[in-house]
């Protein structure tokens, strides 16, 4: 298992690893120290893109969970290096809206774990929609947060994408569940 600090669970990591075993290209927005990035890369051969500005130190909302180490691009790179394998990796150290999308080839698996809420999620999904392949899988973390699902769905429709499959996996108890789906995930299959 991937033993890297992060705001995720083993279930979410396994989901990303299995999806990426069927993919060719992966985009992740919100990478922190690499817990989900390592899972996506492990044993897979991808053209992988990671976006984070490493300016905020995310922490669990629950007081009973341990505090996490400070964010660090250097630690992220060190953590994913051992899982890179034959994958090609490009890291964007930038605000998510400052990434030059011309540097990203069509993406068939997109994992979004940036700021949540209806407006923030809408803006982010809409910004990255042009780089999605003709058929793509979109996974949005923290589906339990208000507005995450709504913002995602509205952004994909506004971008002219058709939703063929969607599954919302929520946690019964709001908050981070390290043994479950952390704070929920929203999984979609889309096409142009």
N, C-alpha and C. Protein backbone atom coordinates (compact mmCIF):
# COMPACT_ATOMS: atom_id res chain seq x y z
N UNK A 1 0.84 -1.18 0.00
CA UNK A 1 0.00 0.00 0.00
C UNK A 1 0.89 1.24 0.00
N UNK A 2 0.33 2.34 -0.43
CA UNK A 2 1.05 3.59 -0.56
C UNK A 2 1.03 4.30 0.78
N UNK A 3 2.17 4.39 1.41
CA UNK A 3 2.25 4.96 2.75
C UNK A 3 2.75 6.40 2.68
N UNK A 4 1.90 7.24 2.17
CA UNK A 4 2.21 8.66 2.02
C UNK A 4 1.10 9.43 2.72
N UNK A 5 1.49 10.45 3.48
CA UNK A 5 0.49 11.26 4.16
C UNK A 5 -0.44 11.93 3.16
N UNK A 6 -1.72 12.01 3.51
CA UNK A 6 -2.67 12.71 2.65
C UNK A 6 -4.07 12.64 3.20
N UNK A 7 -4.93 13.43 2.63
CA UNK A 7 -6.33 13.45 3.01
C UNK A 7 -7.09 12.53 2.05
N UNK A 8 -6.87 11.25 2.22
CA UNK A 8 -7.49 10.24 1.36
C UNK A 8 -7.56 8.93 2.13
N UNK A 9 -8.13 7.92 1.49
CA UNK A 9 -8.23 6.60 2.12
C UNK A 9 -7.68 5.55 1.16
N UNK A 10 -7.46 4.35 1.68
CA UNK A 10 -6.98 3.26 0.83
C UNK A 10 -8.00 2.91 -0.24
N UNK A 11 -9.29 3.07 0.05
CA UNK A 11 -10.31 2.78 -0.96
C UNK A 11 -10.20 3.74 -2.14
N UNK A 12 -10.01 5.02 -1.86
CA UNK A 12 -9.85 6.00 -2.93
C UNK A 12 -8.57 5.72 -3.71
N UNK A 13 -7.50 5.40 -3.00
CA UNK A 13 -6.24 5.08 -3.67
C UNK A 13 -6.39 3.86 -4.59
N UNK A 14 -7.05 2.82 -4.11
CA UNK A 14 -7.23 1.62 -4.94
C UNK A 14 -8.11 1.92 -6.16
N UNK A 15 -9.13 2.74 -5.97
CA UNK A 15 -9.98 3.15 -7.09
C UNK A 15 -9.14 3.83 -8.17
N UNK A 16 -8.32 4.79 -7.78
CA UNK A 16 -7.49 5.50 -8.75
C UNK A 16 -6.49 4.56 -9.42
N UNK A 17 -5.89 3.66 -8.65
CA UNK A 17 -4.93 2.73 -9.22
C UNK A 17 -5.58 1.84 -10.26
N UNK A 18 -6.76 1.32 -9.96
CA UNK A 18 -7.45 0.43 -10.90
C UNK A 18 -7.92 1.19 -12.15
N UNK A 19 -8.46 2.38 -11.98
CA UNK A 19 -8.87 3.17 -13.14
C UNK A 19 -7.67 3.46 -14.04
N UNK A 20 -6.56 3.83 -13.44
CA UNK A 20 -5.37 4.17 -14.22
C UNK A 20 -4.75 2.95 -14.89
N UNK A 21 -5.04 1.75 -14.41
CA UNK A 21 -4.53 0.55 -15.08
C UNK A 21 -5.17 0.37 -16.45
N UNK A 22 -6.29 1.04 -16.67
CA UNK A 22 -6.99 0.98 -17.96
C UNK A 22 -6.79 2.25 -18.77
N UNK A 23 -6.05 3.21 -18.24
CA UNK A 23 -5.90 4.50 -18.90
C UNK A 23 -4.53 4.70 -19.50
N UNK A 24 -4.42 5.79 -20.23
CA UNK A 24 -3.14 6.18 -20.84
C UNK A 24 -2.66 7.53 -20.32
N UNK A 25 -3.61 8.37 -19.90
CA UNK A 25 -3.22 9.71 -19.44
C UNK A 25 -4.04 10.07 -18.21
N UNK A 26 -3.39 10.78 -17.29
CA UNK A 26 -3.98 11.09 -15.99
C UNK A 26 -3.65 12.53 -15.62
N UNK A 27 -4.66 13.24 -15.15
CA UNK A 27 -4.49 14.60 -14.66
C UNK A 27 -5.02 14.65 -13.25
N UNK A 28 -4.22 15.21 -12.34
CA UNK A 28 -4.63 15.37 -10.95
C UNK A 28 -4.45 16.82 -10.56
N UNK A 29 -5.51 17.41 -10.04
CA UNK A 29 -5.45 18.77 -9.52
C UNK A 29 -5.62 18.68 -8.02
N UNK A 30 -4.59 19.10 -7.30
CA UNK A 30 -4.56 19.02 -5.84
C UNK A 30 -3.79 17.78 -5.42
N UNK A 31 -2.47 17.88 -5.35
CA UNK A 31 -1.63 16.70 -5.16
C UNK A 31 -1.00 16.58 -3.78
N UNK A 32 -0.89 17.67 -3.04
CA UNK A 32 -0.32 17.70 -1.69
C UNK A 32 1.00 16.93 -1.63
N UNK A 33 1.09 15.83 -0.89
CA UNK A 33 2.35 15.09 -0.75
C UNK A 33 2.42 13.85 -1.63
N UNK A 34 1.38 13.60 -2.43
CA UNK A 34 1.46 12.52 -3.41
C UNK A 34 0.74 11.23 -3.07
N UNK A 35 -0.12 11.20 -2.08
CA UNK A 35 -0.80 9.95 -1.71
C UNK A 35 -1.66 9.42 -2.85
N UNK A 36 -2.41 10.28 -3.51
CA UNK A 36 -3.24 9.82 -4.64
C UNK A 36 -2.41 9.72 -5.91
N UNK A 37 -1.43 10.58 -6.07
CA UNK A 37 -0.56 10.53 -7.25
C UNK A 37 0.20 9.20 -7.30
N UNK A 38 0.75 8.78 -6.17
CA UNK A 38 1.48 7.50 -6.12
C UNK A 38 0.56 6.35 -6.45
N UNK A 39 -0.66 6.41 -5.94
CA UNK A 39 -1.63 5.35 -6.22
C UNK A 39 -1.95 5.27 -7.71
N UNK A 40 -2.11 6.41 -8.35
CA UNK A 40 -2.40 6.44 -9.78
C UNK A 40 -1.24 5.87 -10.59
N UNK A 41 -0.02 6.18 -10.20
CA UNK A 41 1.17 5.77 -10.95
C UNK A 41 1.57 4.32 -10.72
N UNK A 42 1.37 3.80 -9.53
CA UNK A 42 1.92 2.50 -9.13
C UNK A 42 1.52 1.38 -10.09
N UNK A 43 2.51 0.82 -10.78
CA UNK A 43 2.29 -0.30 -11.68
C UNK A 43 1.63 0.05 -12.99
N UNK A 44 1.40 1.33 -13.23
CA UNK A 44 0.74 1.79 -14.46
C UNK A 44 1.70 2.58 -15.32
N UNK A 45 1.43 2.61 -16.61
CA UNK A 45 2.23 3.39 -17.55
C UNK A 45 1.34 4.50 -18.09
N UNK A 46 1.61 5.73 -17.67
CA UNK A 46 0.75 6.86 -17.97
C UNK A 46 1.55 8.06 -18.44
N UNK A 47 0.89 8.94 -19.14
CA UNK A 47 1.34 10.31 -19.28
C UNK A 47 0.58 11.04 -18.18
N UNK A 48 1.28 11.43 -17.14
CA UNK A 48 0.63 11.94 -15.94
C UNK A 48 1.00 13.40 -15.69
N UNK A 49 -0.01 14.16 -15.29
CA UNK A 49 0.14 15.59 -15.03
C UNK A 49 -0.38 15.87 -13.62
N UNK A 50 0.39 16.63 -12.85
CA UNK A 50 0.02 16.95 -11.48
C UNK A 50 0.06 18.46 -11.28
N UNK A 51 -1.01 18.99 -10.70
CA UNK A 51 -1.15 20.44 -10.51
C UNK A 51 -1.33 20.74 -9.03
N UNK A 52 -0.46 21.58 -8.51
CA UNK A 52 -0.59 22.07 -7.14
C UNK A 52 0.34 23.27 -7.02
N UNK A 53 0.02 24.21 -6.14
CA UNK A 53 0.95 25.31 -5.91
C UNK A 53 1.67 25.16 -4.58
N UNK A 54 1.36 24.12 -3.84
CA UNK A 54 2.02 23.79 -2.58
C UNK A 54 2.11 25.00 -1.65
N UNK A 55 1.00 25.76 -1.58
CA UNK A 55 0.96 26.94 -0.71
C UNK A 55 0.11 26.73 0.53
N UNK A 56 -0.85 25.80 0.49
CA UNK A 56 -1.73 25.57 1.62
C UNK A 56 -1.40 24.24 2.29
N UNK A 57 -1.47 24.21 3.59
CA UNK A 57 -1.25 22.98 4.35
C UNK A 57 -2.61 22.38 4.70
N UNK A 58 -3.10 21.44 3.89
CA UNK A 58 -4.40 20.84 4.22
C UNK A 58 -4.31 20.02 5.50
N UNK A 59 -5.36 20.04 6.27
CA UNK A 59 -5.42 19.29 7.52
C UNK A 59 -6.80 18.66 7.65
N UNK A 60 -6.88 17.55 8.39
CA UNK A 60 -8.18 16.93 8.63
C UNK A 60 -9.11 17.88 9.39
N UNK A 61 -10.40 17.76 9.14
CA UNK A 61 -11.37 18.55 9.87
C UNK A 61 -11.62 17.96 11.26
N UNK A 62 -11.43 16.64 11.36
CA UNK A 62 -11.71 15.96 12.63
C UNK A 62 -10.53 16.10 13.58
N UNK A 63 -10.81 16.37 14.83
CA UNK A 63 -9.77 16.54 15.84
C UNK A 63 -9.11 15.24 16.25
N UNK A 64 -9.79 14.10 16.01
CA UNK A 64 -9.23 12.82 16.43
C UNK A 64 -8.22 12.25 15.43
N UNK A 65 -8.07 12.89 14.27
CA UNK A 65 -7.08 12.45 13.29
C UNK A 65 -5.79 13.24 13.48
N UNK A 66 -4.64 12.60 13.24
CA UNK A 66 -3.37 13.30 13.47
C UNK A 66 -3.15 14.45 12.47
N UNK A 67 -2.43 15.44 12.93
CA UNK A 67 -2.05 16.56 12.05
C UNK A 67 -1.11 16.04 10.98
N UNK A 68 -1.19 16.63 9.80
CA UNK A 68 -0.36 16.21 8.67
C UNK A 68 0.86 17.11 8.53
N UNK A 69 1.92 16.59 7.88
CA UNK A 69 3.11 17.42 7.68
C UNK A 69 2.83 18.59 6.75
N UNK A 70 3.70 19.59 6.77
CA UNK A 70 3.52 20.74 5.87
C UNK A 70 3.61 20.30 4.41
N UNK A 71 2.93 21.05 3.57
CA UNK A 71 2.97 20.77 2.14
C UNK A 71 4.36 21.07 1.59
N UNK A 72 4.76 20.33 0.57
CA UNK A 72 6.10 20.49 0.03
C UNK A 72 6.19 19.85 -1.36
N UNK A 73 6.54 20.66 -2.34
CA UNK A 73 6.72 20.13 -3.69
C UNK A 73 7.86 19.12 -3.70
N UNK A 74 8.92 19.40 -2.98
CA UNK A 74 10.07 18.51 -2.94
C UNK A 74 9.68 17.15 -2.36
N UNK A 75 8.87 17.17 -1.30
CA UNK A 75 8.41 15.92 -0.68
C UNK A 75 7.48 15.17 -1.63
N UNK A 76 6.62 15.90 -2.34
CA UNK A 76 5.75 15.29 -3.35
C UNK A 76 6.58 14.55 -4.39
N UNK A 77 7.59 15.21 -4.95
CA UNK A 77 8.42 14.60 -5.99
C UNK A 77 9.15 13.37 -5.43
N UNK A 78 9.70 13.49 -4.23
CA UNK A 78 10.39 12.36 -3.61
C UNK A 78 9.42 11.18 -3.41
N UNK A 79 8.21 11.47 -2.97
CA UNK A 79 7.23 10.42 -2.70
C UNK A 79 6.76 9.69 -3.96
N UNK A 80 6.59 10.41 -5.06
CA UNK A 80 6.07 9.73 -6.26
C UNK A 80 7.17 9.08 -7.10
N UNK A 81 8.42 9.50 -6.87
CA UNK A 81 9.53 8.98 -7.68
C UNK A 81 9.58 7.46 -7.67
N UNK A 82 9.37 6.85 -6.52
CA UNK A 82 9.47 5.39 -6.42
C UNK A 82 8.32 4.66 -7.12
N UNK A 83 7.25 5.39 -7.48
CA UNK A 83 6.10 4.77 -8.14
C UNK A 83 6.01 5.14 -9.62
N UNK A 84 6.89 5.99 -10.08
CA UNK A 84 6.82 6.52 -11.44
C UNK A 84 6.95 5.43 -12.50
N UNK A 85 7.82 4.47 -12.32
CA UNK A 85 8.00 3.41 -13.31
C UNK A 85 8.27 3.98 -14.69
N UNK A 86 7.53 3.52 -15.68
CA UNK A 86 7.71 3.97 -17.06
C UNK A 86 6.83 5.16 -17.42
N UNK A 87 6.11 5.68 -16.45
CA UNK A 87 5.23 6.82 -16.71
C UNK A 87 6.04 8.08 -17.01
N UNK A 88 5.46 8.93 -17.84
CA UNK A 88 6.01 10.26 -18.07
C UNK A 88 5.24 11.21 -17.16
N UNK A 89 5.96 12.00 -16.39
CA UNK A 89 5.34 12.85 -15.39
C UNK A 89 5.69 14.31 -15.65
N UNK A 90 4.68 15.17 -15.60
CA UNK A 90 4.89 16.61 -15.68
C UNK A 90 4.19 17.24 -14.47
N UNK A 91 4.93 18.06 -13.74
CA UNK A 91 4.41 18.70 -12.54
C UNK A 91 4.26 20.20 -12.82
N UNK A 92 3.06 20.71 -12.57
CA UNK A 92 2.79 22.14 -12.70
C UNK A 92 2.74 22.73 -11.31
N UNK A 93 3.75 23.53 -10.96
CA UNK A 93 3.78 24.24 -9.69
C UNK A 93 3.13 25.59 -9.95
N UNK A 94 1.80 25.61 -9.86
CA UNK A 94 1.06 26.81 -10.25
C UNK A 94 -0.34 26.76 -9.66
N UNK A 95 -0.97 27.93 -9.61
CA UNK A 95 -2.38 27.98 -9.32
C UNK A 95 -3.10 27.19 -10.42
N UNK A 96 -4.15 26.50 -10.06
CA UNK A 96 -4.80 25.61 -11.04
C UNK A 96 -5.34 26.35 -12.25
N UNK A 97 -5.61 27.64 -12.14
CA UNK A 97 -6.12 28.40 -13.28
C UNK A 97 -5.01 29.06 -14.09
N UNK A 98 -3.76 28.86 -13.70
CA UNK A 98 -2.63 29.40 -14.44
C UNK A 98 -1.90 28.35 -15.27
N UNK A 99 -2.40 27.12 -15.26
CA UNK A 99 -1.76 26.04 -16.01
C UNK A 99 -2.03 26.25 -17.50
N UNK A 100 -0.98 26.14 -18.31
CA UNK A 100 -1.11 26.23 -19.76
C UNK A 100 -1.65 24.90 -20.28
N UNK A 101 -2.91 24.89 -20.65
CA UNK A 101 -3.56 23.65 -21.08
C UNK A 101 -2.98 23.11 -22.38
N UNK A 102 -2.29 23.93 -23.14
CA UNK A 102 -1.64 23.46 -24.36
C UNK A 102 -0.52 22.47 -24.07
N UNK A 103 -0.05 22.43 -22.83
CA UNK A 103 1.01 21.50 -22.43
C UNK A 103 0.46 20.15 -21.96
N UNK A 104 -0.85 19.97 -22.05
CA UNK A 104 -1.49 18.74 -21.58
C UNK A 104 -2.16 18.05 -22.76
N UNK A 105 -1.79 16.79 -22.98
CA UNK A 105 -2.44 16.01 -24.04
C UNK A 105 -3.82 15.56 -23.55
N UNK A 106 -4.68 15.05 -24.45
CA UNK A 106 -6.01 14.62 -24.00
C UNK A 106 -5.94 13.63 -22.83
N UNK A 107 -6.77 13.89 -21.85
CA UNK A 107 -6.77 13.15 -20.59
C UNK A 107 -7.93 12.18 -20.55
N UNK A 108 -7.64 10.91 -20.25
CA UNK A 108 -8.76 9.97 -20.13
C UNK A 108 -9.15 9.70 -18.68
N UNK A 109 -8.31 10.10 -17.71
CA UNK A 109 -8.69 9.99 -16.29
C UNK A 109 -8.30 11.30 -15.60
N UNK A 110 -9.31 11.96 -15.03
CA UNK A 110 -9.11 13.24 -14.38
C UNK A 110 -9.56 13.12 -12.92
N UNK A 111 -8.65 13.41 -11.99
CA UNK A 111 -8.96 13.40 -10.57
C UNK A 111 -8.85 14.82 -10.04
N UNK A 112 -9.98 15.34 -9.55
CA UNK A 112 -10.00 16.70 -9.02
C UNK A 112 -10.13 16.66 -7.51
N UNK A 113 -9.15 17.28 -6.83
CA UNK A 113 -9.18 17.39 -5.38
C UNK A 113 -8.70 18.78 -4.97
N UNK A 114 -9.21 19.77 -5.69
CA UNK A 114 -8.89 21.15 -5.38
C UNK A 114 -9.97 21.74 -4.48
N UNK A 115 -10.08 23.05 -4.45
CA UNK A 115 -11.12 23.69 -3.63
C UNK A 115 -12.51 23.18 -4.02
N UNK A 116 -13.35 22.94 -3.01
CA UNK A 116 -14.68 22.40 -3.26
C UNK A 116 -15.74 23.44 -2.95
N UNK A 117 -16.96 23.11 -3.23
CA UNK A 117 -18.08 24.03 -3.19
C UNK A 117 -18.56 24.16 -4.62
N UNK A 118 -19.81 24.51 -4.80
CA UNK A 118 -20.41 24.53 -6.14
C UNK A 118 -19.65 25.44 -7.11
N UNK A 119 -19.38 26.66 -6.70
CA UNK A 119 -18.73 27.63 -7.61
C UNK A 119 -17.30 27.23 -7.92
N UNK A 120 -16.52 26.88 -6.88
CA UNK A 120 -15.12 26.52 -7.08
C UNK A 120 -14.97 25.27 -7.94
N UNK A 121 -15.80 24.28 -7.65
CA UNK A 121 -15.75 23.04 -8.43
C UNK A 121 -16.17 23.29 -9.86
N UNK A 122 -17.24 24.05 -10.06
CA UNK A 122 -17.69 24.39 -11.41
C UNK A 122 -16.56 25.04 -12.21
N UNK A 123 -15.93 26.04 -11.63
CA UNK A 123 -14.87 26.77 -12.33
C UNK A 123 -13.70 25.86 -12.69
N UNK A 124 -13.31 25.01 -11.77
CA UNK A 124 -12.17 24.12 -12.02
C UNK A 124 -12.49 23.08 -13.08
N UNK A 125 -13.63 22.43 -12.97
CA UNK A 125 -14.01 21.40 -13.95
C UNK A 125 -14.17 22.04 -15.32
N UNK A 126 -14.78 23.19 -15.37
CA UNK A 126 -14.96 23.88 -16.66
C UNK A 126 -13.60 24.27 -17.26
N UNK A 127 -12.66 24.70 -16.43
CA UNK A 127 -11.34 25.09 -16.92
C UNK A 127 -10.61 23.92 -17.56
N UNK A 128 -10.69 22.73 -16.95
CA UNK A 128 -9.95 21.56 -17.45
C UNK A 128 -10.74 20.72 -18.44
N UNK A 129 -12.00 20.99 -18.64
CA UNK A 129 -12.82 20.21 -19.58
C UNK A 129 -12.22 20.17 -20.99
N UNK A 130 -11.61 21.24 -21.51
CA UNK A 130 -11.06 21.17 -22.87
C UNK A 130 -9.96 20.13 -23.06
N UNK A 131 -9.29 19.69 -21.98
CA UNK A 131 -8.22 18.70 -22.15
C UNK A 131 -8.71 17.27 -21.97
N UNK A 132 -9.99 17.10 -21.67
CA UNK A 132 -10.51 15.74 -21.55
C UNK A 132 -10.58 15.08 -22.92
N UNK A 133 -10.24 13.79 -22.97
CA UNK A 133 -10.31 13.02 -24.21
C UNK A 133 -11.77 12.88 -24.64
N UNK A 134 -11.98 12.35 -25.84
CA UNK A 134 -13.35 12.17 -26.34
C UNK A 134 -14.18 11.30 -25.40
N UNK A 135 -13.53 10.36 -24.74
CA UNK A 135 -14.17 9.59 -23.67
C UNK A 135 -13.24 9.66 -22.47
N UNK A 136 -13.80 10.00 -21.33
CA UNK A 136 -12.96 10.20 -20.14
C UNK A 136 -13.70 9.79 -18.87
N UNK A 137 -12.92 9.50 -17.86
CA UNK A 137 -13.44 9.25 -16.53
C UNK A 137 -13.04 10.44 -15.66
N UNK A 138 -14.02 10.97 -14.95
CA UNK A 138 -13.79 12.10 -14.06
C UNK A 138 -14.10 11.63 -12.63
N UNK A 139 -13.15 11.83 -11.74
CA UNK A 139 -13.34 11.49 -10.33
C UNK A 139 -13.14 12.77 -9.52
N UNK A 140 -14.14 13.11 -8.74
CA UNK A 140 -14.06 14.32 -7.92
C UNK A 140 -14.12 13.90 -6.46
N UNK A 141 -13.12 14.32 -5.71
CA UNK A 141 -13.03 13.96 -4.31
C UNK A 141 -13.96 14.85 -3.47
N UNK A 142 -14.21 14.40 -2.25
CA UNK A 142 -14.99 15.16 -1.27
C UNK A 142 -16.42 15.43 -1.73
N UNK A 143 -17.06 14.40 -2.25
CA UNK A 143 -18.44 14.52 -2.71
C UNK A 143 -19.40 14.82 -1.58
N UNK A 144 -19.01 14.57 -0.34
CA UNK A 144 -19.87 14.89 0.80
C UNK A 144 -20.01 16.40 1.01
N UNK A 145 -19.06 17.19 0.51
CA UNK A 145 -19.15 18.64 0.69
C UNK A 145 -20.30 19.20 -0.13
N UNK A 146 -21.01 20.17 0.44
CA UNK A 146 -22.11 20.82 -0.27
C UNK A 146 -21.60 21.45 -1.56
N UNK A 147 -22.28 21.16 -2.65
CA UNK A 147 -21.98 21.79 -3.92
C UNK A 147 -20.99 21.07 -4.81
N UNK A 148 -20.26 20.10 -4.28
CA UNK A 148 -19.25 19.42 -5.10
C UNK A 148 -19.89 18.69 -6.28
N UNK A 149 -20.92 17.91 -6.02
CA UNK A 149 -21.58 17.14 -7.08
C UNK A 149 -22.29 18.09 -8.04
N UNK A 150 -23.01 19.05 -7.51
CA UNK A 150 -23.74 20.01 -8.35
C UNK A 150 -22.79 20.79 -9.25
N UNK A 151 -21.71 21.30 -8.70
CA UNK A 151 -20.75 22.07 -9.49
C UNK A 151 -20.11 21.25 -10.59
N UNK A 152 -19.80 19.99 -10.29
CA UNK A 152 -19.20 19.10 -11.28
C UNK A 152 -20.16 18.86 -12.43
N UNK A 153 -21.37 18.46 -12.11
CA UNK A 153 -22.36 18.13 -13.13
C UNK A 153 -22.67 19.34 -14.02
N UNK A 154 -22.84 20.50 -13.42
CA UNK A 154 -23.14 21.71 -14.19
C UNK A 154 -21.98 22.10 -15.09
N UNK A 155 -20.76 21.95 -14.62
CA UNK A 155 -19.58 22.31 -15.42
C UNK A 155 -19.43 21.39 -16.62
N UNK A 156 -19.63 20.10 -16.42
CA UNK A 156 -19.51 19.15 -17.54
C UNK A 156 -20.57 19.42 -18.59
N UNK A 157 -21.78 19.70 -18.16
CA UNK A 157 -22.85 20.02 -19.12
C UNK A 157 -22.56 21.32 -19.85
N UNK A 158 -22.08 22.34 -19.12
CA UNK A 158 -21.74 23.64 -19.73
C UNK A 158 -20.63 23.49 -20.75
N UNK A 159 -19.74 22.50 -20.54
CA UNK A 159 -18.63 22.26 -21.46
C UNK A 159 -19.06 21.41 -22.65
N UNK A 160 -20.33 21.03 -22.70
CA UNK A 160 -20.82 20.25 -23.83
C UNK A 160 -20.52 18.76 -23.75
N UNK A 161 -20.18 18.27 -22.57
CA UNK A 161 -19.89 16.85 -22.40
C UNK A 161 -21.16 16.10 -22.01
N UNK A 162 -21.27 14.88 -22.48
CA UNK A 162 -22.40 14.03 -22.14
C UNK A 162 -21.99 13.10 -21.02
N UNK A 163 -22.82 13.02 -20.00
CA UNK A 163 -22.56 12.11 -18.88
C UNK A 163 -23.25 10.79 -19.19
N UNK A 164 -22.45 9.73 -19.31
CA UNK A 164 -22.99 8.40 -19.59
C UNK A 164 -23.11 7.56 -18.34
N UNK A 165 -22.30 7.86 -17.35
CA UNK A 165 -22.29 7.08 -16.12
C UNK A 165 -21.98 8.03 -14.99
N UNK A 166 -22.65 7.84 -13.87
CA UNK A 166 -22.28 8.59 -12.68
C UNK A 166 -22.60 7.77 -11.44
N UNK A 167 -21.71 7.89 -10.49
CA UNK A 167 -21.90 7.20 -9.21
C UNK A 167 -21.39 8.12 -8.12
N UNK A 168 -22.24 8.36 -7.17
CA UNK A 168 -21.89 9.17 -6.02
C UNK A 168 -21.74 8.22 -4.84
N UNK A 169 -20.56 8.20 -4.26
CA UNK A 169 -20.32 7.38 -3.08
C UNK A 169 -20.09 8.33 -1.91
N UNK A 170 -21.06 8.38 -1.02
CA UNK A 170 -20.97 9.29 0.12
C UNK A 170 -20.69 8.50 1.39
N UNK A 171 -20.11 9.17 2.33
CA UNK A 171 -19.92 8.61 3.66
C UNK A 171 -21.15 8.96 4.49
N UNK A 172 -21.66 7.99 5.24
CA UNK A 172 -22.84 8.22 6.08
C UNK A 172 -22.59 9.29 7.12
N UNK A 173 -21.41 9.26 7.70
CA UNK A 173 -21.03 10.25 8.70
C UNK A 173 -20.12 11.27 8.01
N UNK A 174 -20.57 12.52 7.87
CA UNK A 174 -19.69 13.51 7.24
C UNK A 174 -18.36 13.61 7.97
N UNK A 175 -17.32 13.79 7.23
CA UNK A 175 -15.97 13.88 7.80
C UNK A 175 -15.09 12.80 7.23
N UNK A 176 -13.83 12.89 7.49
CA UNK A 176 -12.86 11.99 6.90
C UNK A 176 -12.95 10.59 7.50
N UNK A 177 -13.19 9.58 6.65
CA UNK A 177 -13.25 8.19 7.08
C UNK A 177 -12.10 7.45 6.42
N UNK A 178 -11.04 7.23 7.16
CA UNK A 178 -9.84 6.60 6.61
C UNK A 178 -10.09 5.15 6.21
N UNK A 179 -11.13 4.52 6.74
CA UNK A 179 -11.44 3.13 6.39
C UNK A 179 -12.50 3.05 5.29
N UNK A 180 -13.06 4.15 4.90
CA UNK A 180 -14.11 4.17 3.88
C UNK A 180 -13.68 4.94 2.66
N UNK A 181 -14.54 5.85 2.23
CA UNK A 181 -14.29 6.66 1.03
C UNK A 181 -13.90 8.08 1.41
N UNK A 182 -13.23 8.21 2.53
CA UNK A 182 -12.74 9.46 3.10
C UNK A 182 -13.88 10.43 3.29
N UNK A 183 -14.13 11.30 2.33
CA UNK A 183 -15.24 12.25 2.43
C UNK A 183 -16.11 12.16 1.18
N UNK A 184 -16.17 10.94 0.63
CA UNK A 184 -17.00 10.70 -0.55
C UNK A 184 -16.28 10.97 -1.85
N UNK A 185 -16.72 10.30 -2.91
CA UNK A 185 -16.20 10.53 -4.25
C UNK A 185 -17.36 10.54 -5.24
N UNK A 186 -17.16 11.26 -6.32
CA UNK A 186 -18.13 11.35 -7.41
C UNK A 186 -17.40 10.88 -8.66
N UNK A 187 -17.91 9.83 -9.28
CA UNK A 187 -17.26 9.19 -10.42
C UNK A 187 -18.17 9.32 -11.64
N UNK A 188 -17.62 9.79 -12.75
CA UNK A 188 -18.42 9.98 -13.96
C UNK A 188 -17.68 9.44 -15.19
N UNK A 189 -18.44 8.91 -16.11
CA UNK A 189 -17.94 8.58 -17.44
C UNK A 189 -18.55 9.56 -18.40
N UNK A 190 -17.72 10.29 -19.15
CA UNK A 190 -18.22 11.36 -20.03
C UNK A 190 -17.65 11.21 -21.44
N UNK A 191 -18.33 11.85 -22.38
CA UNK A 191 -17.82 11.89 -23.75
C UNK A 191 -18.18 13.23 -24.38
N UNK A 192 -17.50 13.51 -25.49
CA UNK A 192 -17.78 14.74 -26.25
C UNK A 192 -18.89 14.49 -27.24
